[in-house]
Amino acid sequence: MAEIPYDAILVVSFGGPEGREDVIPFLENVLKGRDVPRERMLEVAEHYYLFDGVSPINEQNRQLIAALRERLASDGPDLPIYWGNRNWHPLLADTLREMRDDSIHRALAFVTSAYSSFSGCRQYRANIAAAQAQVGSGAPTVDKLRAFFNHPGFVHPVAERIRDALDQIPAERRASAEVVFTAHSVPVSMAQTSRYVDQLSEIRRLVSTAVGREDSQLVWQSRSGPPSQPWLEPDIRDHLRLRRAAGVEDVVIAPIGFISDHMEVCFDLDTQARQVADEVGLNLVRASTVGTHPDFIGMIRELILERTEPTTTPRRTLGNLGPSHDVCETDCCPAPVR
């Protein structure tokens, strides 16, 4: 593969409100073009108001960018890092406009999603294309880095976070504690046209083996669709009730569908799932996400080097699925049937 010159890194993420006044405009951006009743939007807004309207995701992205900037400055390639969001400031179009004005011509995009699916990959690529169209002439070319679910720089930190969580279980009960992995549920129609479930099942297997919990389960969280539309199940809250009824005393939740502790983790797990655990008398420990773990930051650098120095950078993976492609097919991961 020939080397292609890049002159910037673009971190692309979901975005989140940073104050109560941001919540409704943010949710209107998220739901634009979707037939979601306003009552449902206002219900979701209450989740954010519990945290004074502040989603942790933007601050966590600032921390990730700071750590990556430091790593690239010390180890290379020393490229400037820009940041653009799908749904809230800094918005992608504004960031690409800034990049154009800074004479950036070609950038590599790190998307804060480890998996292949419509919402986790294709939609971000569409967001970038739409932003480029808004900017118009001179907008930089943007190439997305590959999905990284099975890279050792992701798998090993996830396993480490789970070991840390297991250490919080009383020693005499630790061996019988169960580990349950969670990821964002998606419509079944979306799951059937992507490798989302296969990839999550693979990292569950890899991490379970690493921590010696091969009997762990993969369940789902954060369902947002209408009851008439099938989504991936079981839900984490239903799973916790069933496991407690089966006599389980301790559970570690590992949110492998996320790289940082943002709203779906803070509300859906730390608030809702914990409420269920308290109701049924289950000791629940939630493992941290990888965040700015040094190995994870090193992984992002490796993904960059795969594209800037492809002849000397191995494409590292664990397990059976191998490295994901760099360039998506035009028809991959189509939008779900709603």
C-alpha atoms as a PDB file:
ATOM      1  CA  MET A   1       0.000   0.000   0.000  1.00  0.00           C
ATOM      2  CA  ALA A   2       1.411   3.378  -0.994  1.00  0.00           C
ATOM      3  CA  GLU A   3       1.902   6.039   1.631  1.00  0.00           C
ATOM      4  CA  ILE A   4      -0.561   8.949   1.460  1.00  0.00           C
ATOM      5  CA  PRO A   5       0.424  12.280   2.990  1.00  0.00           C
ATOM      6  CA  TYR A   6      -1.874  13.480   5.761  1.00  0.00           C
ATOM      7  CA  ASP A   7      -1.638  16.833   7.465  1.00  0.00           C
ATOM      8  CA  ALA A   8      -4.131  16.509  10.365  1.00  0.00           C
ATOM      9  CA  ILE A   9      -6.137  14.209  12.625  1.00  0.00           C
ATOM     10  CA  LEU A  10      -9.876  14.740  13.049  1.00  0.00           C
ATOM     11  CA  VAL A  11     -11.578  13.300  16.142  1.00  0.00           C
ATOM     12  CA  VAL A  12     -15.245  12.724  15.328  1.00  0.00           C
ATOM     13  CA  SER A  13     -17.815  12.064  18.044  1.00  0.00           C
ATOM     14  CA  PHE A  14     -21.494  12.187  18.948  1.00  0.00           C
ATOM     15  CA  GLY A  15     -21.475  15.422  20.946  1.00  0.00           C
ATOM     16  CA  GLY A  16     -23.483  16.336  24.017  1.00  0.00           C
ATOM     17  CA  PRO A  17     -25.023  19.315  25.809  1.00  0.00           C
ATOM     18  CA  GLU A  18     -22.941  21.282  28.278  1.00  0.00           C
ATOM     19  CA  GLY A  19     -25.742  23.103  30.086  1.00  0.00           C
ATOM     20  CA  ARG A  20     -29.495  22.964  30.617  1.00  0.00           C
ATOM     21  CA  GLU A  21     -30.096  25.445  27.804  1.00  0.00           C
ATOM     22  CA  ASP A  22     -28.322  23.113  25.370  1.00  0.00           C
ATOM     23  CA  VAL A  23     -30.432  20.022  26.026  1.00  0.00           C
ATOM     24  CA  ILE A  24     -33.451  20.623  23.799  1.00  0.00           C
ATOM     25  CA  PRO A  25     -31.485  22.009  20.802  1.00  0.00           C
ATOM     26  CA  PHE A  26     -29.088  19.088  21.130  1.00  0.00           C
ATOM     27  CA  LEU A  27     -31.894  16.512  21.168  1.00  0.00           C
ATOM     28  CA  GLU A  28     -33.551  18.232  18.211  1.00  0.00           C
ATOM     29  CA  ASN A  29     -30.294  17.730  16.305  1.00  0.00           C
ATOM     30  CA  VAL A  30     -30.130  14.073  17.333  1.00  0.00           C
ATOM     31  CA  LEU A  31     -33.723  13.397  16.270  1.00  0.00           C
ATOM     32  CA  LYS A  32     -33.768  15.518  13.095  1.00  0.00           C
ATOM     33  CA  GLY A  33     -35.530  13.648  10.309  1.00  0.00           C
ATOM     34  CA  ARG A  34     -36.862  10.949  12.616  1.00  0.00           C
ATOM     35  CA  ASP A  35     -40.507  10.499  13.504  1.00  0.00           C
ATOM     36  CA  VAL A  36     -40.076  10.684  17.278  1.00  0.00           C
ATOM     37  CA  PRO A  37     -42.917  12.193  19.356  1.00  0.00           C
ATOM     38  CA  ARG A  38     -41.953  15.390  21.168  1.00  0.00           C
ATOM     39  CA  GLU A  39     -43.165  13.817  24.406  1.00  0.00           C
ATOM     40  CA  ARG A  40     -40.468  11.157  24.037  1.00  0.00           C
ATOM     41  CA  MET A  41     -37.828  13.837  23.421  1.00  0.00           C
ATOM     42  CA  LEU A  42     -38.880  15.693  26.569  1.00  0.00           C
ATOM     43  CA  GLU A  43     -38.713  12.429  28.510  1.00  0.00           C
ATOM     44  CA  VAL A  44     -35.106  11.898  27.369  1.00  0.00           C
ATOM     45  CA  ALA A  45     -34.332  15.524  28.242  1.00  0.00           C
ATOM     46  CA  GLU A  46     -35.122  14.710  31.871  1.00  0.00           C
ATOM     47  CA  HIS A  47     -32.222  12.237  31.857  1.00  0.00           C
ATOM     48  CA  TYR A  48     -29.855  15.094  31.054  1.00  0.00           C
ATOM     49  CA  TYR A  49     -31.473  17.432  33.585  1.00  0.00           C
ATOM     50  CA  LEU A  50     -30.559  14.931  36.307  1.00  0.00           C
ATOM     51  CA  PHE A  51     -26.972  15.939  35.516  1.00  0.00           C
ATOM     52  CA  ASP A  52     -27.802  19.660  35.244  1.00  0.00           C
ATOM     53  CA  GLY A  53     -27.907  19.349  31.464  1.00  0.00           C
ATOM     54  CA  VAL A  54     -24.255  18.373  31.124  1.00  0.00           C
ATOM     55  CA  SER A  55     -23.223  15.272  29.229  1.00  0.00           C
ATOM     56  CA  PRO A  56     -19.727  14.061  30.154  1.00  0.00           C
ATOM     57  CA  ILE A  57     -18.838  13.212  26.553  1.00  0.00           C
ATOM     58  CA  ASN A  58     -17.397  16.556  25.452  1.00  0.00           C
ATOM     59  CA  GLU A  59     -15.064  16.854  28.437  1.00  0.00           C
ATOM     60  CA  GLN A  60     -13.996  13.243  27.970  1.00  0.00           C
ATOM     61  CA  ASN A  61     -13.186  13.970  24.332  1.00  0.00           C
ATOM     62  CA  ARG A  62     -11.090  16.961  25.423  1.00  0.00           C
ATOM     63  CA  GLN A  63      -9.136  14.658  27.726  1.00  0.00           C
ATOM     64  CA  LEU A  64      -8.682  12.067  24.977  1.00  0.00           C
ATOM     65  CA  ILE A  65      -7.473  14.728  22.522  1.00  0.00           C
ATOM     66  CA  ALA A  66      -5.033  16.132  25.086  1.00  0.00           C
ATOM     67  CA  ALA A  67      -3.601  12.652  25.736  1.00  0.00           C
ATOM     68  CA  LEU A  68      -3.357  11.884  22.010  1.00  0.00           C
ATOM     69  CA  ARG A  69      -1.764  15.256  21.276  1.00  0.00           C
ATOM     70  CA  GLU A  70       0.888  14.558  23.909  1.00  0.00           C
ATOM     71  CA  ARG A  71       1.555  11.067  22.520  1.00  0.00           C
ATOM     72  CA  LEU A  72       1.865  12.272  18.926  1.00  0.00           C
ATOM     73  CA  ALA A  73       4.128  15.157  19.958  1.00  0.00           C
ATOM     74  CA  SER A  74       6.488  12.759  21.736  1.00  0.00           C
ATOM     75  CA  ASP A  75       6.356   9.705  19.442  1.00  0.00           C
ATOM     76  CA  GLY A  76       4.991  11.035  16.146  1.00  0.00           C
ATOM     77  CA  PRO A  77       3.535  11.599  13.716  1.00  0.00           C
ATOM     78  CA  ASP A  78       3.313  15.167  15.036  1.00  0.00           C
ATOM     79  CA  LEU A  79       0.050  16.184  13.333  1.00  0.00           C
ATOM     80  CA  PRO A  80      -2.448  18.803  14.526  1.00  0.00           C
ATOM     81  CA  ILE A  81      -5.664  17.427  16.019  1.00  0.00           C
ATOM     82  CA  TYR A  82      -9.100  18.875  15.273  1.00  0.00           C
ATOM     83  CA  TRP A  83     -12.439  17.843  16.776  1.00  0.00           C
ATOM     84  CA  GLY A  84     -15.933  17.827  15.293  1.00  0.00           C
ATOM     85  CA  ASN A  85     -19.241  16.401  16.546  1.00  0.00           C
ATOM     86  CA  ARG A  86     -22.322  15.007  14.894  1.00  0.00           C
ATOM     87  CA  ASN A  87     -24.896  16.694  17.120  1.00  0.00           C
ATOM     88  CA  TRP A  88     -23.383  19.513  19.187  1.00  0.00           C
ATOM     89  CA  HIS A  89     -20.578  22.034  19.259  1.00  0.00           C
ATOM     90  CA  PRO A  90     -17.950  21.852  17.945  1.00  0.00           C
ATOM     91  CA  LEU A  91     -20.012  20.775  14.934  1.00  0.00           C
ATOM     92  CA  LEU A  92     -18.310  19.008  12.045  1.00  0.00           C
ATOM     93  CA  ALA A  93     -19.028  21.695   9.451  1.00  0.00           C
ATOM     94  CA  ASP A  94     -17.513  24.395  11.665  1.00  0.00           C
ATOM     95  CA  THR A  95     -14.444  22.250  12.278  1.00  0.00           C
ATOM     96  CA  LEU A  96     -13.936  21.453   8.590  1.00  0.00           C
ATOM     97  CA  ARG A  97     -14.264  25.156   7.817  1.00  0.00           C
ATOM     98  CA  GLU A  98     -11.548  25.860  10.377  1.00  0.00           C
ATOM     99  CA  MET A  99      -9.373  23.141   8.849  1.00  0.00           C
ATOM    100  CA  ARG A 100      -9.827  24.618   5.375  1.00  0.00           C
ATOM    101  CA  ASP A 101      -8.838  28.044   6.664  1.00  0.00           C
ATOM    102  CA  ASP A 102      -5.745  26.459   8.265  1.00  0.00           C
ATOM    103  CA  SER A 103      -4.794  25.011   4.848  1.00  0.00           C
ATOM    104  CA  ILE A 104      -5.464  21.411   5.877  1.00  0.00           C
ATOM    105  CA  HIS A 105      -5.895  19.292   2.737  1.00  0.00           C
ATOM    106  CA  ARG A 106      -6.205  15.675   3.896  1.00  0.00           C
ATOM    107  CA  ALA A 107      -7.051  14.357   7.371  1.00  0.00           C
ATOM    108  CA  LEU A 108      -7.463  11.021   9.097  1.00  0.00           C
ATOM    109  CA  ALA A 109     -10.635  10.680  11.175  1.00  0.00           C
ATOM    110  CA  PHE A 110     -10.742   8.780  14.449  1.00  0.00           C
ATOM    111  CA  VAL A 111     -14.407   8.096  15.218  1.00  0.00           C
ATOM    112  CA  THR A 112     -15.172   7.361  18.877  1.00  0.00           C
ATOM    113  CA  SER A 113     -16.948   4.099  18.007  1.00  0.00           C
ATOM    114  CA  ALA A 114     -15.159   0.760  17.947  1.00  0.00           C
ATOM    115  CA  TYR A 115     -17.673  -1.167  15.834  1.00  0.00           C
ATOM    116  CA  SER A 116     -19.233  -1.447  12.386  1.00  0.00           C
ATOM    117  CA  SER A 117     -22.895  -0.468  12.086  1.00  0.00           C
ATOM    118  CA  PHE A 118     -25.019   2.230  10.528  1.00  0.00           C
ATOM    119  CA  SER A 119     -24.975   4.523  13.567  1.00  0.00           C
ATOM    120  CA  GLY A 120     -21.406   3.651  14.596  1.00  0.00           C
ATOM    121  CA  CYS A 121     -19.719   3.992  11.204  1.00  0.00           C
ATOM    122  CA  ARG A 122     -21.729   4.740   8.065  1.00  0.00           C
ATOM    123  CA  GLN A 123     -23.704   7.585   9.619  1.00  0.00           C
ATOM    124  CA  TYR A 124     -20.480   9.270  10.734  1.00  0.00           C
ATOM    125  CA  ARG A 125     -19.105   9.003   7.209  1.00  0.00           C
ATOM    126  CA  ALA A 126     -22.331  10.563   5.943  1.00  0.00           C
ATOM    127  CA  ASN A 127     -21.993  13.332   8.546  1.00  0.00           C
ATOM    128  CA  ILE A 128     -18.481  14.084   7.311  1.00  0.00           C
ATOM    129  CA  ALA A 129     -19.655  14.165   3.684  1.00  0.00           C
ATOM    130  CA  ALA A 130     -22.537  16.499   4.577  1.00  0.00           C
ATOM    131  CA  ALA A 131     -20.157  18.800   6.435  1.00  0.00           C
ATOM    132  CA  GLN A 132     -17.800  18.835   3.455  1.00  0.00           C
ATOM    133  CA  ALA A 133     -20.729  19.822   1.222  1.00  0.00           C
ATOM    134  CA  GLN A 134     -21.608  22.680   3.593  1.00  0.00           C
ATOM    135  CA  VAL A 135     -18.048  23.959   3.554  1.00  0.00           C
ATOM    136  CA  GLY A 136     -17.831  23.654  -0.209  1.00  0.00           C
ATOM    137  CA  SER A 137     -14.704  24.379  -2.219  1.00  0.00           C
ATOM    138  CA  GLY A 138     -11.512  23.734  -0.303  1.00  0.00           C
ATOM    139  CA  ALA A 139     -13.020  21.405   2.292  1.00  0.00           C
ATOM    140  CA  PRO A 140     -10.382  18.855   3.318  1.00  0.00           C
ATOM    141  CA  THR A 141     -10.515  15.237   2.249  1.00  0.00           C
ATOM    142  CA  VAL A 142     -11.185  13.002   5.271  1.00  0.00           C
ATOM    143  CA  ASP A 143     -10.352   9.292   5.456  1.00  0.00           C
ATOM    144  CA  LYS A 144     -11.764   7.301   8.379  1.00  0.00           C
ATOM    145  CA  LEU A 145      -9.535   5.006  10.451  1.00  0.00           C
ATOM    146  CA  ARG A 146     -10.651   1.376  10.654  1.00  0.00           C
ATOM    147  CA  ALA A 147     -12.899  -0.166  13.310  1.00  0.00           C
ATOM    148  CA  PHE A 148     -10.739  -1.185  16.277  1.00  0.00           C
ATOM    149  CA  PHE A 149     -12.893  -3.536  18.382  1.00  0.00           C
ATOM    150  CA  ASN A 150     -10.301  -6.349  18.264  1.00  0.00           C
ATOM    151  CA  HIS A 151      -7.108  -4.294  18.493  1.00  0.00           C
ATOM    152  CA  PRO A 152      -5.021  -5.309  21.529  1.00  0.00           C
ATOM    153  CA  GLY A 153      -4.844  -1.631  22.521  1.00  0.00           C
ATOM    154  CA  PHE A 154      -8.610  -1.783  23.110  1.00  0.00           C
ATOM    155  CA  VAL A 155      -9.036  -5.376  24.301  1.00  0.00           C
ATOM    156  CA  HIS A 156      -6.301  -5.285  26.960  1.00  0.00           C
ATOM    157  CA  PRO A 157      -7.479  -2.050  28.649  1.00  0.00           C
ATOM    158  CA  VAL A 158     -11.054  -3.380  28.718  1.00  0.00           C
ATOM    159  CA  ALA A 159      -9.818  -6.519  30.473  1.00  0.00           C
ATOM    160  CA  GLU A 160      -7.814  -4.415  32.927  1.00  0.00           C
ATOM    161  CA  ARG A 161     -10.866  -2.306  33.805  1.00  0.00           C
ATOM    162  CA  ILE A 162     -12.868  -5.490  34.477  1.00  0.00           C
ATOM    163  CA  ARG A 163     -10.163  -6.918  36.742  1.00  0.00           C
ATOM    164  CA  ASP A 164     -10.204  -3.656  38.689  1.00  0.00           C
ATOM    165  CA  ALA A 165     -13.989  -3.967  39.057  1.00  0.00           C
ATOM    166  CA  LEU A 166     -13.780  -7.593  40.181  1.00  0.00           C
ATOM    167  CA  ASP A 167     -11.306  -6.541  42.860  1.00  0.00           C
ATOM    168  CA  GLN A 168     -14.137  -4.480  44.387  1.00  0.00           C
ATOM    169  CA  ILE A 169     -16.148  -7.659  45.058  1.00  0.00           C
ATOM    170  CA  PRO A 170     -15.560  -9.174  48.518  1.00  0.00           C
ATOM    171  CA  ALA A 171     -12.802 -11.756  48.186  1.00  0.00           C
ATOM    172  CA  GLU A 172     -14.926 -14.628  49.467  1.00  0.00           C
ATOM    173  CA  ARG A 173     -17.566 -13.996  46.737  1.00  0.00           C
ATOM    174  CA  ARG A 174     -15.304 -12.929  43.869  1.00  0.00           C
ATOM    175  CA  ALA A 175     -15.075 -16.344  42.215  1.00  0.00           C
ATOM    176  CA  SER A 176     -18.864 -16.592  41.903  1.00  0.00           C
ATOM    177  CA  ALA A 177     -19.394 -13.031  40.693  1.00  0.00           C
ATOM    178  CA  GLU A 178     -20.709 -12.774  37.145  1.00  0.00           C
ATOM    179  CA  VAL A 179     -19.459 -10.454  34.410  1.00  0.00           C
ATOM    180  CA  VAL A 180     -22.010  -9.077  31.976  1.00  0.00           C
ATOM    181  CA  PHE A 181     -21.034  -7.080  28.909  1.00  0.00           C
ATOM    182  CA  THR A 182     -23.294  -4.345  27.587  1.00  0.00           C
ATOM    183  CA  ALA A 183     -23.550  -2.419  24.333  1.00  0.00           C
ATOM    184  CA  HIS A 184     -26.084  -0.029  22.855  1.00  0.00           C
ATOM    185  CA  SER A 185     -29.055  -1.937  21.491  1.00  0.00           C
ATOM    186  CA  VAL A 186     -29.888  -1.301  17.841  1.00  0.00           C
ATOM    187  CA  PRO A 187     -32.843  -2.280  15.647  1.00  0.00           C
ATOM    188  CA  VAL A 188     -32.674  -5.901  14.556  1.00  0.00           C
ATOM    189  CA  SER A 189     -32.809  -4.686  10.947  1.00  0.00           C
ATOM    190  CA  MET A 190     -29.596  -2.708  11.553  1.00  0.00           C
ATOM    191  CA  ALA A 191     -27.886  -5.638  13.258  1.00  0.00           C
ATOM    192  CA  GLN A 192     -28.732  -7.939  10.340  1.00  0.00           C
ATOM    193  CA  THR A 193     -26.963  -5.717   7.801  1.00  0.00           C
ATOM    194  CA  SER A 194     -23.706  -5.129   9.698  1.00  0.00           C
ATOM    195  CA  ARG A 195     -21.080  -7.017  11.697  1.00  0.00           C
ATOM    196  CA  TYR A 196     -22.030  -5.224  14.921  1.00  0.00           C
ATOM    197  CA  VAL A 197     -23.144  -8.307  16.867  1.00  0.00           C
ATOM    198  CA  ASP A 198     -20.307 -10.477  15.520  1.00  0.00           C
ATOM    199  CA  GLN A 199     -17.726  -7.890  16.564  1.00  0.00           C
ATOM    200  CA  LEU A 200     -19.207  -7.437  20.028  1.00  0.00           C
ATOM    201  CA  SER A 201     -19.431 -11.194  20.491  1.00  0.00           C
ATOM    202  CA  GLU A 202     -15.763 -11.482  19.536  1.00  0.00           C
ATOM    203  CA  ILE A 203     -14.530  -8.898  22.029  1.00  0.00           C
ATOM    204  CA  ARG A 204     -16.729 -10.474  24.708  1.00  0.00           C
ATOM    205  CA  ARG A 205     -15.005 -13.780  24.004  1.00  0.00           C
ATOM    206  CA  LEU A 206     -11.524 -12.261  23.960  1.00  0.00           C
ATOM    207  CA  VAL A 207     -11.953 -10.289  27.165  1.00  0.00           C
ATOM    208  CA  SER A 208     -13.785 -13.097  28.956  1.00  0.00           C
ATOM    209  CA  THR A 209     -10.869 -15.409  28.254  1.00  0.00           C
ATOM    210  CA  ALA A 210      -8.398 -12.779  29.434  1.00  0.00           C
ATOM    211  CA  VAL A 211     -10.154 -12.337  32.790  1.00  0.00           C
ATOM    212  CA  GLY A 212     -11.054 -16.010  33.244  1.00  0.00           C
ATOM    213  CA  ARG A 213     -14.832 -15.547  32.957  1.00  0.00           C
ATOM    214  CA  GLU A 214     -15.717 -17.552  29.864  1.00  0.00           C
ATOM    215  CA  ASP A 215     -19.364 -17.868  30.994  1.00  0.00           C
ATOM    216  CA  SER A 216     -19.985 -14.111  30.726  1.00  0.00           C
ATOM    217  CA  GLN A 217     -23.006 -12.783  28.843  1.00  0.00           C
ATOM    218  CA  LEU A 218     -23.531 -10.045  26.239  1.00  0.00           C
ATOM    219  CA  VAL A 219     -26.719  -8.040  26.781  1.00  0.00           C
ATOM    220  CA  TRP A 220     -28.050  -4.699  25.599  1.00  0.00           C
ATOM    221  CA  GLN A 221     -28.885  -1.262  26.917  1.00  0.00           C
ATOM    222  CA  SER A 222     -30.232   2.148  25.893  1.00  0.00           C
ATOM    223  CA  ARG A 223     -33.023   0.995  23.593  1.00  0.00           C
ATOM    224  CA  SER A 224     -34.727   4.060  22.111  1.00  0.00           C
ATOM    225  CA  GLY A 225     -37.052   2.778  19.387  1.00  0.00           C
ATOM    226  CA  PRO A 226     -40.841   2.310  19.413  1.00  0.00           C
ATOM    227  CA  PRO A 227     -42.207  -0.905  20.951  1.00  0.00           C
ATOM    228  CA  SER A 228     -43.405  -2.002  17.494  1.00  0.00           C
ATOM    229  CA  GLN A 229     -39.828  -2.170  16.171  1.00  0.00           C
ATOM    230  CA  PRO A 230     -37.712  -5.195  17.182  1.00  0.00           C
ATOM    231  CA  TRP A 231     -34.410  -4.253  18.873  1.00  0.00           C
ATOM    232  CA  LEU A 232     -31.635  -6.448  20.206  1.00  0.00           C
ATOM    233  CA  GLU A 233     -32.471  -8.096  23.542  1.00  0.00           C
ATOM    234  CA  PRO A 234     -32.238  -8.907  26.449  1.00  0.00           C
ATOM    235  CA  ASP A 235     -32.082  -5.547  28.173  1.00  0.00           C
ATOM    236  CA  ILE A 236     -29.557  -5.213  30.999  1.00  0.00           C
ATOM    237  CA  ARG A 237     -32.250  -4.462  33.577  1.00  0.00           C
ATOM    238  CA  ASP A 238     -34.227  -7.605  32.714  1.00  0.00           C
ATOM    239  CA  HIS A 239     -30.990  -9.602  32.810  1.00  0.00           C
ATOM    240  CA  LEU A 240     -30.112  -8.345  36.297  1.00  0.00           C
ATOM    241  CA  ARG A 241     -33.520  -9.340  37.640  1.00  0.00           C
ATOM    242  CA  LEU A 242     -33.203 -12.829  36.168  1.00  0.00           C
ATOM    243  CA  ARG A 243     -29.693 -13.364  37.515  1.00  0.00           C
ATOM    244  CA  ARG A 244     -30.694 -12.280  41.011  1.00  0.00           C
ATOM    245  CA  ALA A 245     -33.682 -14.635  40.859  1.00  0.00           C
ATOM    246  CA  ALA A 246     -31.209 -17.394  39.947  1.00  0.00           C
ATOM    247  CA  GLY A 247     -29.262 -16.705  43.138  1.00  0.00           C
ATOM    248  CA  VAL A 248     -26.435 -14.523  41.833  1.00  0.00           C
ATOM    249  CA  GLU A 249     -25.164 -12.063  44.463  1.00  0.00           C
ATOM    250  CA  ASP A 250     -22.555 -10.001  42.588  1.00  0.00           C
ATOM    251  CA  VAL A 251     -22.387  -8.709  39.014  1.00  0.00           C
ATOM    252  CA  VAL A 252     -19.787  -6.635  37.192  1.00  0.00           C
ATOM    253  CA  ILE A 253     -21.157  -4.658  34.252  1.00  0.00           C
ATOM    254  CA  ALA A 254     -18.606  -4.012  31.507  1.00  0.00           C
ATOM    255  CA  PRO A 255     -19.903  -1.435  28.967  1.00  0.00           C
ATOM    256  CA  ILE A 256     -17.784  -2.615  26.036  1.00  0.00           C
ATOM    257  CA  GLY A 257     -19.995  -0.777  23.556  1.00  0.00           C
ATOM    258  CA  PHE A 258     -18.522   2.550  24.694  1.00  0.00           C
ATOM    259  CA  ILE A 259     -15.021   4.006  24.976  1.00  0.00           C
ATOM    260  CA  SER A 260     -15.909   6.622  27.620  1.00  0.00           C
ATOM    261  CA  ASP A 261     -18.291   7.045  30.550  1.00  0.00           C
ATOM    262  CA  HIS A 262     -20.800   9.273  28.778  1.00  0.00           C
ATOM    263  CA  MET A 263     -24.572   9.650  29.220  1.00  0.00           C
ATOM    264  CA  GLU A 264     -25.613   6.148  28.141  1.00  0.00           C
ATOM    265  CA  VAL A 265     -23.257   4.832  30.821  1.00  0.00           C
ATOM    266  CA  CYS A 266     -24.016   7.408  33.523  1.00  0.00           C
ATOM    267  CA  PHE A 267     -27.805   7.233  33.185  1.00  0.00           C
ATOM    268  CA  ASP A 268     -28.653   3.834  31.710  1.00  0.00           C
ATOM    269  CA  LEU A 269     -26.169   1.900  33.836  1.00  0.00           C
ATOM    270  CA  ASP A 270     -25.101   3.997  36.831  1.00  0.00           C
ATOM    271  CA  THR A 271     -28.658   5.243  37.415  1.00  0.00           C
ATOM    272  CA  GLN A 272     -31.268   2.892  35.941  1.00  0.00           C
ATOM    273  CA  ALA A 273     -29.449  -0.439  36.172  1.00  0.00           C
ATOM    274  CA  ARG A 274     -28.200   0.396  39.655  1.00  0.00           C
ATOM    275  CA  GLN A 275     -31.760   1.155  40.759  1.00  0.00           C
ATOM    276  CA  VAL A 276     -32.810  -2.309  39.600  1.00  0.00           C
ATOM    277  CA  ALA A 277     -29.865  -3.913  41.404  1.00  0.00           C
ATOM    278  CA  ASP A 278     -30.739  -2.076  44.610  1.00  0.00           C
ATOM    279  CA  GLU A 279     -34.395  -3.133  44.309  1.00  0.00           C
ATOM    280  CA  VAL A 280     -33.548  -6.836  43.995  1.00  0.00           C
ATOM    281  CA  GLY A 281     -30.606  -6.865  46.430  1.00  0.00           C
ATOM    282  CA  LEU A 282     -27.839  -7.429  43.891  1.00  0.00           C
ATOM    283  CA  ASN A 283     -24.330  -6.078  44.464  1.00  0.00           C
ATOM    284  CA  LEU A 284     -23.468  -4.258  41.245  1.00  0.00           C
ATOM    285  CA  VAL A 285     -20.037  -2.939  40.231  1.00  0.00           C
ATOM    286  CA  ARG A 286     -19.663  -1.093  36.957  1.00  0.00           C
ATOM    287  CA  ALA A 287     -16.298  -1.403  35.211  1.00  0.00           C
ATOM    288  CA  SER A 288     -14.841   1.814  33.839  1.00  0.00           C
ATOM    289  CA  THR A 289     -14.525   2.325  30.104  1.00  0.00           C
ATOM    290  CA  VAL A 290     -11.073   2.620  28.503  1.00  0.00           C
ATOM    291  CA  GLY A 291     -11.107   6.438  28.489  1.00  0.00           C
ATOM    292  CA  THR A 292      -7.529   7.694  28.220  1.00  0.00           C
ATOM    293  CA  HIS A 293      -5.799   4.450  29.160  1.00  0.00           C
ATOM    294  CA  PRO A 294      -2.226   4.725  27.816  1.00  0.00           C
ATOM    295  CA  ASP A 295      -2.576   1.543  25.741  1.00  0.00           C
ATOM    296  CA  PHE A 296      -5.745   2.904  24.143  1.00  0.00           C
ATOM    297  CA  ILE A 297      -4.060   6.194  23.250  1.00  0.00           C
ATOM    298  CA  GLY A 298      -1.178   4.146  21.853  1.00  0.00           C
ATOM    299  CA  MET A 299      -3.696   2.189  19.771  1.00  0.00           C
ATOM    300  CA  ILE A 300      -5.007   5.380  18.170  1.00  0.00           C
ATOM    301  CA  ARG A 301      -1.436   6.292  17.254  1.00  0.00           C
ATOM    302  CA  GLU A 302      -0.975   2.827  15.716  1.00  0.00           C
ATOM    303  CA  LEU A 303      -4.126   3.234  13.633  1.00  0.00           C
ATOM    304  CA  ILE A 304      -2.742   6.522  12.348  1.00  0.00           C
ATOM    305  CA  LEU A 305       0.612   4.914  11.523  1.00  0.00           C
ATOM    306  CA  GLU A 306      -1.184   2.159   9.603  1.00  0.00           C
ATOM    307  CA  ARG A 307      -2.206   4.863   7.143  1.00  0.00           C
ATOM    308  CA  THR A 308       0.792   7.195   7.243  1.00  0.00           C
ATOM    309  CA  GLU A 309       3.467   4.469   7.316  1.00  0.00           C
ATOM    310  CA  PRO A 310       1.679   1.342   6.005  1.00  0.00           C
ATOM    311  CA  THR A 311       4.794  -0.504   4.845  1.00  0.00           C
ATOM    312  CA  THR A 312       6.315  -0.563   8.334  1.00  0.00           C
ATOM    313  CA  THR A 313       3.251  -0.693  10.608  1.00  0.00           C
ATOM    314  CA  PRO A 314       1.593  -4.084  11.259  1.00  0.00           C
ATOM    315  CA  ARG A 315      -2.203  -4.135  11.438  1.00  0.00           C
ATOM    316  CA  ARG A 316      -2.524  -5.743  14.858  1.00  0.00           C
ATOM    317  CA  THR A 317      -5.637  -7.639  15.962  1.00  0.00           C
ATOM    318  CA  LEU A 318      -6.604 -10.396  18.371  1.00  0.00           C
ATOM    319  CA  GLY A 319      -8.973 -13.294  17.758  1.00  0.00           C
ATOM    320  CA  ASN A 320     -10.492 -14.660  14.587  1.00  0.00           C
ATOM    321  CA  LEU A 321     -12.017 -11.746  12.672  1.00  0.00           C
ATOM    322  CA  GLY A 322      -8.855  -9.999  11.503  1.00  0.00           C
ATOM    323  CA  PRO A 323      -8.413  -6.279  10.806  1.00  0.00           C
ATOM    324  CA  SER A 324     -11.355  -4.276   9.512  1.00  0.00           C
ATOM    325  CA  HIS A 325     -11.148  -2.619   6.117  1.00  0.00           C
ATOM    326  CA  ASP A 326     -10.023   0.966   5.640  1.00  0.00           C
ATOM    327  CA  VAL A 327     -12.477   1.873   2.882  1.00  0.00           C
ATOM    328  CA  CYS A 328     -16.120   0.869   3.275  1.00  0.00           C
ATOM    329  CA  GLU A 329     -18.168  -0.514   0.402  1.00  0.00           C
ATOM    330  CA  THR A 330     -20.765   1.925  -0.868  1.00  0.00           C
ATOM    331  CA  ASP A 331     -23.638  -0.303   0.305  1.00  0.00           C
ATOM    332  CA  CYS A 332     -22.274  -1.428   3.685  1.00  0.00           C
ATOM    333  CA  CYS A 333     -24.173  -0.944   6.962  1.00  0.00           C
ATOM    334  CA  PRO A 334     -27.355   0.537   5.448  1.00  0.00           C
ATOM    335  CA  ALA A 335     -29.816   2.529   7.544  1.00  0.00           C
ATOM    336  CA  PRO A 336     -32.321   0.425   9.495  1.00  0.00           C
ATOM    337  CA  VAL A 337     -35.875   0.024   8.289  1.00  0.00           C
ATOM    338  CA  ARG A 338     -37.924   2.201  10.663  1.00  0.00           C
END
